């Protein structure tokens, strides 16, 4: 999971699913906790980073 989060920090688009994945992204500052949705009880988060 730590390798995935490290790689995610350089990504421009993230689609995160699952408790441990979303929590790790929140802890790393990649996702704001209020941006997390739950679908059938499973946390989901998406991010888009614009680079100019």
C-alpha atoms as a PDB file:
ATOM      1  CA  UNK A   1       0.000   0.000   0.000  1.00  0.00           C
ATOM      2  CA  UNK A   2       2.847   2.421   0.729  1.00  0.00           C
ATOM      3  CA  UNK A   3       4.214   2.004  -2.810  1.00  0.00           C
ATOM      4  CA  UNK A   4       0.755   2.625  -4.270  1.00  0.00           C
ATOM      5  CA  UNK A   5       0.334   5.815  -2.233  1.00  0.00           C
ATOM      6  CA  UNK A   6       3.800   7.020  -3.260  1.00  0.00           C
ATOM      7  CA  UNK A   7       2.939   6.458  -6.930  1.00  0.00           C
ATOM      8  CA  UNK A   8      -0.504   8.025  -6.443  1.00  0.00           C
ATOM      9  CA  UNK A   9       1.099  11.247  -5.240  1.00  0.00           C
ATOM     10  CA  UNK A  10       2.445  11.836  -8.768  1.00  0.00           C
ATOM     11  CA  UNK A  11      -0.701  10.745 -10.631  1.00  0.00           C
ATOM     12  CA  UNK A  12      -3.068  13.189 -12.284  1.00  0.00           C
ATOM     13  CA  UNK A  13      -6.193  11.036 -11.856  1.00  0.00           C
ATOM     14  CA  UNK A  14      -7.031   8.707  -8.962  1.00  0.00           C
ATOM     15  CA  UNK A  15      -9.998   6.393  -8.517  1.00  0.00           C
ATOM     16  CA  UNK A  16      -9.731   4.924  -5.019  1.00  0.00           C
ATOM     17  CA  UNK A  17     -11.942   2.186  -3.592  1.00  0.00           C
ATOM     18  CA  UNK A  18     -11.892   0.426  -0.234  1.00  0.00           C
ATOM     19  CA  UNK A  19     -11.391   1.272   3.408  1.00  0.00           C
ATOM     20  CA  UNK A  20      -7.605   0.890   3.665  1.00  0.00           C
ATOM     21  CA  UNK A  21      -6.865   2.518   0.304  1.00  0.00           C
ATOM     22  CA  UNK A  22      -9.030   5.574   0.918  1.00  0.00           C
ATOM     23  CA  UNK A  23      -7.796   5.973   4.507  1.00  0.00           C
ATOM     24  CA  UNK A  24      -4.163   5.809   3.339  1.00  0.00           C
ATOM     25  CA  UNK A  25      -4.876   8.480   0.712  1.00  0.00           C
ATOM     26  CA  UNK A  26      -6.494  10.703   3.355  1.00  0.00           C
ATOM     27  CA  UNK A  27      -3.519  10.227   5.681  1.00  0.00           C
ATOM     28  CA  UNK A  28      -1.140  11.130   2.825  1.00  0.00           C
ATOM     29  CA  UNK A  29      -3.129  14.299   2.104  1.00  0.00           C
ATOM     30  CA  UNK A  30      -4.266  13.119  -1.329  1.00  0.00           C
ATOM     31  CA  UNK A  31      -7.984  13.095  -0.480  1.00  0.00           C
ATOM     32  CA  UNK A  32     -10.056  15.335   1.785  1.00  0.00           C
ATOM     33  CA  UNK A  33     -12.162  13.231   4.193  1.00  0.00           C
ATOM     34  CA  UNK A  34     -15.338  15.086   3.212  1.00  0.00           C
ATOM     35  CA  UNK A  35     -14.779  14.116  -0.440  1.00  0.00           C
ATOM     36  CA  UNK A  36     -15.277  10.408   0.286  1.00  0.00           C
ATOM     37  CA  UNK A  37     -18.528   8.826  -0.860  1.00  0.00           C
ATOM     38  CA  UNK A  38     -19.850   5.458   0.249  1.00  0.00           C
ATOM     39  CA  UNK A  39     -21.442   3.075  -2.224  1.00  0.00           C
ATOM     40  CA  UNK A  40     -23.061   0.058  -0.569  1.00  0.00           C
ATOM     41  CA  UNK A  41     -20.961   0.894   2.493  1.00  0.00           C
ATOM     42  CA  UNK A  42     -17.650   0.905   0.593  1.00  0.00           C
ATOM     43  CA  UNK A  43     -15.650   4.165   0.531  1.00  0.00           C
ATOM     44  CA  UNK A  44     -14.871   5.704  -2.876  1.00  0.00           C
ATOM     45  CA  UNK A  45     -12.816   8.780  -3.720  1.00  0.00           C
ATOM     46  CA  UNK A  46     -11.737  10.347  -6.990  1.00  0.00           C
ATOM     47  CA  UNK A  47      -9.198  13.084  -7.591  1.00  0.00           C
ATOM     48  CA  UNK A  48      -8.089  15.058 -10.632  1.00  0.00           C
ATOM     49  CA  UNK A  49      -4.895  17.127 -10.600  1.00  0.00           C
ATOM     50  CA  UNK A  50      -4.549  19.798 -13.287  1.00  0.00           C
ATOM     51  CA  UNK A  51      -1.022  20.474 -14.489  1.00  0.00           C
ATOM     52  CA  UNK A  52      -0.184  23.452 -16.644  1.00  0.00           C
END
